Amino acid sequence: MLEHSETMRLVTMAKEGDESAKETLLLENSPLLKSIIRRFRNFDIEYDDLYQLACVGFIKAINNFDQSYDVRFSTYVVPMVLGEVKRFMRDDGYIKVSRAIKVLSYKIIKFQENFRKENEREATISEIAKEFEIDTTQVVFALDSGRQPISIFEKIDDGDERSNMLIDKIPNKQNNIDIDNRLILKTALEKLDERERKIIMFRYYRDMTQGEIARHFGLSQVQISRIEAKIIEKLRNYF
């Protein structure tokens, strides 16, 4: 970890537009960002998306940090990152619904919690509808609006060791096409050089961030981003 004085020096440089200072701060604080987003693992948001949100919050923390305040930079980062993730979950979900529906959904959830405590059972849809003087279909719609859609690549555990993703359970008359695509991808990957294959494996099979990959190869995050873009273009042209 950086010393406090070094952190302050880098923050000052970053606020003045020094990209290398921003990158250094981001890499050094990556463990902190990961510890913050770990609490959101069960909210059906991709890890890479969470990390990108954390990085956005981190950059905002750099831009808004006032060194005249008697507070450590890492302490200031935490609420900024949490706020960015929570704002995304509140306003930028995968399915867009109106603010009125979101408010109704929140009120229903609070009512359910209180009802459960007072009656030691779950409230029925009819009881909820009566409480809010709305139709039962509106209750169902409001509750469903707060749920995240399930990805077809969601991992499942049904005792079948041969399949661990939902997509594998969907009946598909074009299974042969899927097999062909996998074979084409395997052939395409074999045409990459060793470093390119490692970057793809690290990025898309081990869920490593560009910053982590950059550290592994002794490069900058920007360099890895450019290399990855070129690799994807290579694969796209092959297909």
Protein backbone atom coordinates (compact mmCIF):
# COMPACT_ATOMS: atom_id res chain seq x y z
CA MET A 1 0.00 0.00 0.00
CA LEU A 2 1.11 3.54 -0.73
CA GLU A 3 2.18 5.83 2.06
CA HIS A 4 -0.29 8.62 2.88
CA SER A 5 2.05 11.33 1.56
CA GLU A 6 2.57 9.45 -1.71
CA THR A 7 -1.17 8.92 -2.07
CA MET A 8 -1.78 12.65 -1.62
CA ARG A 9 0.89 13.47 -4.19
CA LEU A 10 -0.68 11.11 -6.73
CA VAL A 11 -4.18 12.44 -6.01
CA THR A 12 -2.97 15.97 -6.70
CA MET A 13 -1.37 14.88 -9.98
CA ALA A 14 -4.47 12.89 -10.96
CA LYS A 15 -6.76 15.87 -10.30
CA GLU A 16 -4.56 17.86 -12.66
CA GLY A 17 -5.11 15.28 -15.41
CA ASP A 18 -2.12 12.95 -15.00
CA GLU A 19 -3.46 9.63 -16.34
CA SER A 20 -0.49 7.59 -15.08
CA ALA A 21 -1.17 8.87 -11.55
CA LYS A 22 -4.83 7.81 -11.86
CA GLU A 23 -3.77 4.39 -13.09
CA THR A 24 -1.31 3.94 -10.22
CA LEU A 25 -3.94 4.93 -7.66
CA LEU A 26 -6.46 2.58 -9.25
CA LEU A 27 -4.08 -0.38 -9.26
CA GLU A 28 -2.95 0.22 -5.68
CA ASN A 29 -6.55 0.55 -4.47
CA SER A 30 -7.89 -2.39 -6.47
CA PRO A 31 -8.06 -4.66 -3.37
CA LEU A 32 -10.15 -2.01 -1.61
CA LEU A 33 -12.56 -1.74 -4.55
CA LYS A 34 -12.93 -5.51 -4.70
CA SER A 35 -13.67 -5.70 -0.98
CA ILE A 36 -16.40 -3.06 -1.42
CA ILE A 37 -18.18 -4.76 -4.32
CA ARG A 38 -17.93 -8.19 -2.72
CA ARG A 39 -21.07 -7.46 -0.70
CA PHE A 40 -23.05 -7.16 -3.95
CA ARG A 41 -22.16 -10.61 -5.29
CA ASN A 42 -25.69 -11.96 -4.77
CA PHE A 43 -27.46 -9.22 -6.72
CA ASP A 44 -27.17 -10.88 -10.17
CA ILE A 45 -24.80 -8.24 -11.53
CA GLU A 46 -21.74 -9.36 -13.45
CA TYR A 47 -18.49 -8.98 -11.50
CA ASP A 48 -16.85 -7.01 -14.31
CA ASP A 49 -19.81 -4.60 -14.33
CA LEU A 50 -19.51 -4.14 -10.58
CA TYR A 51 -15.79 -3.50 -10.87
CA GLN A 52 -16.32 -0.95 -13.64
CA LEU A 53 -18.88 0.84 -11.47
CA ALA A 54 -16.37 0.81 -8.61
CA CYS A 55 -13.77 2.37 -10.91
CA VAL A 56 -16.23 5.11 -11.91
CA GLY A 57 -16.87 5.86 -8.24
CA PHE A 58 -13.13 5.82 -7.60
CA ILE A 59 -12.44 8.38 -10.34
CA LYS A 60 -15.20 10.58 -8.92
CA ALA A 61 -13.54 10.27 -5.52
CA ILE A 62 -10.27 11.52 -7.01
CA ASN A 63 -11.94 14.47 -8.72
CA ASN A 64 -13.97 15.50 -5.66
CA PHE A 65 -11.44 14.82 -2.91
CA ASP A 66 -10.49 17.89 -0.89
CA GLN A 67 -7.11 17.49 0.80
CA SER A 68 -7.96 20.24 3.26
CA TYR A 69 -10.30 17.82 5.01
CA ASP A 70 -8.68 15.74 7.75
CA VAL A 71 -9.62 12.38 6.23
CA ARG A 72 -7.66 9.65 4.50
CA PHE A 73 -8.31 9.20 0.79
CA SER A 74 -9.28 5.52 1.19
CA THR A 75 -11.91 6.53 3.76
CA TYR A 76 -13.39 8.99 1.26
CA VAL A 77 -13.37 6.37 -1.52
CA VAL A 78 -15.66 3.87 0.23
CA PRO A 79 -18.91 5.91 0.29
CA MET A 80 -18.25 7.21 -3.24
CA VAL A 81 -17.94 3.68 -4.64
CA LEU A 82 -20.91 2.40 -2.62
CA GLY A 83 -22.99 5.32 -3.88
CA GLU A 84 -22.11 4.59 -7.50
CA VAL A 85 -23.08 0.92 -7.26
CA LYS A 86 -26.30 1.62 -5.35
CA ARG A 87 -27.25 4.36 -7.81
CA PHE A 88 -26.83 1.90 -10.67
CA MET A 89 -28.97 -0.69 -8.90
CA ARG A 90 -31.64 1.92 -8.19
CA ASP A 91 -31.79 3.77 -11.50
CA ASP A 92 -29.95 1.79 -14.17
CA GLY A 93 -31.16 -1.75 -13.83
CA TYR A 94 -31.39 -4.13 -16.75
CA ILE A 95 -35.16 -3.52 -17.11
CA LYS A 96 -36.35 0.10 -17.13
CA VAL A 97 -39.49 0.83 -15.11
CA SER A 98 -41.09 4.09 -14.05
CA ARG A 99 -40.20 5.82 -10.81
CA ALA A 100 -43.81 5.35 -9.61
CA ILE A 101 -43.55 1.57 -10.00
CA LYS A 102 -40.22 1.53 -8.17
CA VAL A 103 -41.71 3.50 -5.28
CA LEU A 104 -44.73 1.19 -5.14
CA SER A 105 -42.45 -1.86 -5.17
CA TYR A 106 -40.44 -0.46 -2.26
CA LYS A 107 -43.60 0.28 -0.25
CA ILE A 108 -44.95 -3.22 -0.86
CA ILE A 109 -41.69 -4.79 0.29
CA LYS A 110 -41.76 -2.73 3.49
CA PHE A 111 -45.39 -3.74 4.05
CA GLN A 112 -44.48 -7.40 3.57
CA GLU A 113 -41.69 -7.13 6.14
CA ASN A 114 -43.99 -5.55 8.75
CA PHE A 115 -46.80 -7.98 7.98
CA ARG A 116 -44.42 -10.93 8.41
CA LYS A 117 -43.28 -9.67 11.82
CA GLU A 118 -46.81 -9.01 13.08
CA ASN A 119 -48.54 -12.09 11.69
CA GLU A 120 -45.68 -14.61 11.43
CA ARG A 121 -46.66 -15.45 7.88
CA GLU A 122 -46.36 -13.99 4.40
CA ALA A 123 -48.98 -11.54 3.15
CA THR A 124 -51.06 -12.79 0.22
CA ILE A 125 -51.34 -10.89 -3.05
CA SER A 126 -54.95 -10.08 -2.20
CA GLU A 127 -54.01 -8.67 1.21
CA ILE A 128 -51.33 -6.49 -0.38
CA ALA A 129 -53.77 -5.29 -3.04
CA LYS A 130 -56.33 -4.41 -0.37
CA GLU A 131 -53.74 -2.51 1.69
CA PHE A 132 -52.72 -0.31 -1.25
CA GLU A 133 -56.16 -0.24 -2.91
CA ILE A 134 -54.86 -1.52 -6.22
CA ASP A 135 -55.53 -4.51 -8.45
CA THR A 136 -53.73 -7.81 -7.78
CA THR A 137 -52.11 -7.65 -11.22
CA GLN A 138 -50.54 -4.32 -10.25
CA VAL A 139 -49.09 -5.95 -7.12
CA VAL A 140 -47.49 -8.73 -9.16
CA PHE A 141 -46.14 -6.27 -11.73
CA ALA A 142 -44.64 -4.01 -9.05
CA LEU A 143 -42.93 -6.91 -7.28
CA ASP A 144 -41.59 -8.40 -10.50
CA SER A 145 -40.19 -5.02 -11.58
CA GLY A 146 -37.60 -5.18 -8.82
CA ARG A 147 -36.25 -8.56 -9.82
CA GLN A 148 -33.17 -8.98 -11.95
CA PRO A 149 -33.57 -11.08 -15.12
CA ILE A 150 -31.77 -14.41 -15.12
CA SER A 151 -28.95 -14.77 -17.59
CA ILE A 152 -29.00 -17.82 -19.85
CA PHE A 153 -25.40 -18.27 -18.73
CA GLU A 154 -26.47 -18.45 -15.06
CA LYS A 155 -24.71 -21.31 -13.29
CA ILE A 156 -27.07 -23.94 -11.89
CA ASP A 157 -26.62 -26.97 -9.68
CA ASP A 158 -28.99 -29.79 -10.58
CA GLY A 159 -26.70 -32.74 -9.99
CA ASP A 160 -25.71 -33.00 -13.65
CA GLU A 161 -21.94 -32.70 -13.82
CA ARG A 162 -22.04 -32.34 -17.60
CA SER A 163 -23.93 -29.06 -17.54
CA ASN A 164 -23.72 -26.12 -15.18
CA MET A 165 -25.36 -23.29 -17.14
CA LEU A 166 -29.01 -22.56 -17.82
CA ILE A 167 -28.42 -22.28 -21.57
CA ASP A 168 -27.44 -25.96 -21.65
CA LYS A 169 -30.90 -26.87 -20.32
CA ILE A 170 -32.82 -24.97 -23.01
CA PRO A 171 -34.09 -27.32 -25.74
CA ASN A 172 -32.35 -26.40 -28.96
CA LYS A 173 -32.75 -27.98 -32.35
CA GLN A 174 -29.51 -26.36 -33.43
CA ASN A 175 -27.19 -28.10 -30.96
CA ASN A 176 -24.96 -29.09 -33.86
CA ILE A 177 -24.51 -25.42 -34.75
CA ASP A 178 -23.46 -24.68 -31.14
CA ILE A 179 -20.89 -27.48 -31.32
CA ASP A 180 -19.60 -26.12 -34.63
CA ASN A 181 -19.22 -22.64 -33.09
CA ARG A 182 -17.19 -24.04 -30.22
CA LEU A 183 -14.91 -25.86 -32.65
CA ILE A 184 -14.47 -22.69 -34.73
CA LEU A 185 -13.65 -20.70 -31.59
CA LYS A 186 -11.11 -23.33 -30.51
CA THR A 187 -9.44 -23.17 -33.92
CA ALA A 188 -9.43 -19.36 -33.84
CA LEU A 189 -7.80 -19.29 -30.40
CA GLU A 190 -5.07 -21.62 -31.63
CA LYS A 191 -4.13 -19.02 -34.25
CA LEU A 192 -3.29 -16.47 -31.54
CA ASP A 193 0.19 -16.23 -30.09
CA GLU A 194 0.88 -17.37 -26.54
CA ARG A 195 0.48 -13.95 -24.90
CA GLU A 196 -2.77 -13.26 -26.75
CA ARG A 197 -4.22 -16.62 -25.71
CA LYS A 198 -3.25 -15.98 -22.10
CA ILE A 199 -4.92 -12.57 -22.13
CA ILE A 200 -8.16 -14.09 -23.47
CA MET A 201 -8.01 -16.91 -20.90
CA PHE A 202 -7.33 -14.51 -18.03
CA ARG A 203 -10.00 -12.03 -19.15
CA TYR A 204 -12.89 -14.29 -20.15
CA TYR A 205 -12.29 -17.58 -18.37
CA ARG A 206 -10.74 -16.44 -15.08
CA ASP A 207 -12.68 -13.15 -14.82
CA MET A 208 -9.52 -11.11 -14.23
CA THR A 209 -9.68 -7.34 -14.68
CA GLN A 210 -7.51 -5.53 -17.20
CA GLY A 211 -5.57 -4.05 -14.29
CA GLU A 212 -4.77 -7.50 -12.88
CA ILE A 213 -3.70 -8.77 -16.30
CA ALA A 214 -1.54 -5.68 -16.81
CA ARG A 215 0.23 -6.33 -13.52
CA HIS A 216 0.83 -9.98 -14.53
CA PHE A 217 2.51 -8.97 -17.80
CA GLY A 218 4.24 -5.86 -16.44
CA LEU A 219 2.24 -3.58 -18.73
CA SER A 220 -0.20 -0.72 -18.18
CA GLN A 221 -3.97 -1.17 -18.13
CA VAL A 222 -4.21 1.00 -21.24
CA GLN A 223 -1.80 -1.28 -23.11
CA ILE A 224 -3.79 -4.37 -22.13
CA SER A 225 -7.01 -2.66 -23.24
CA ARG A 226 -5.52 -1.95 -26.67
CA ILE A 227 -4.10 -5.47 -27.03
CA GLU A 228 -7.45 -7.00 -26.03
CA ALA A 229 -9.27 -4.86 -28.62
CA LYS A 230 -6.85 -6.06 -31.33
CA ILE A 231 -7.33 -9.69 -30.28
CA ILE A 232 -11.12 -9.38 -30.40
CA GLU A 233 -10.84 -7.84 -33.85
CA LYS A 234 -8.65 -10.76 -34.95
CA LEU A 235 -11.22 -13.27 -33.73
CA ARG A 236 -14.08 -11.31 -35.28
CA ASN A 237 -12.34 -11.29 -38.65
CA TYR A 238 -11.70 -15.03 -38.39
CA PHE A 239 -15.39 -15.73 -37.78
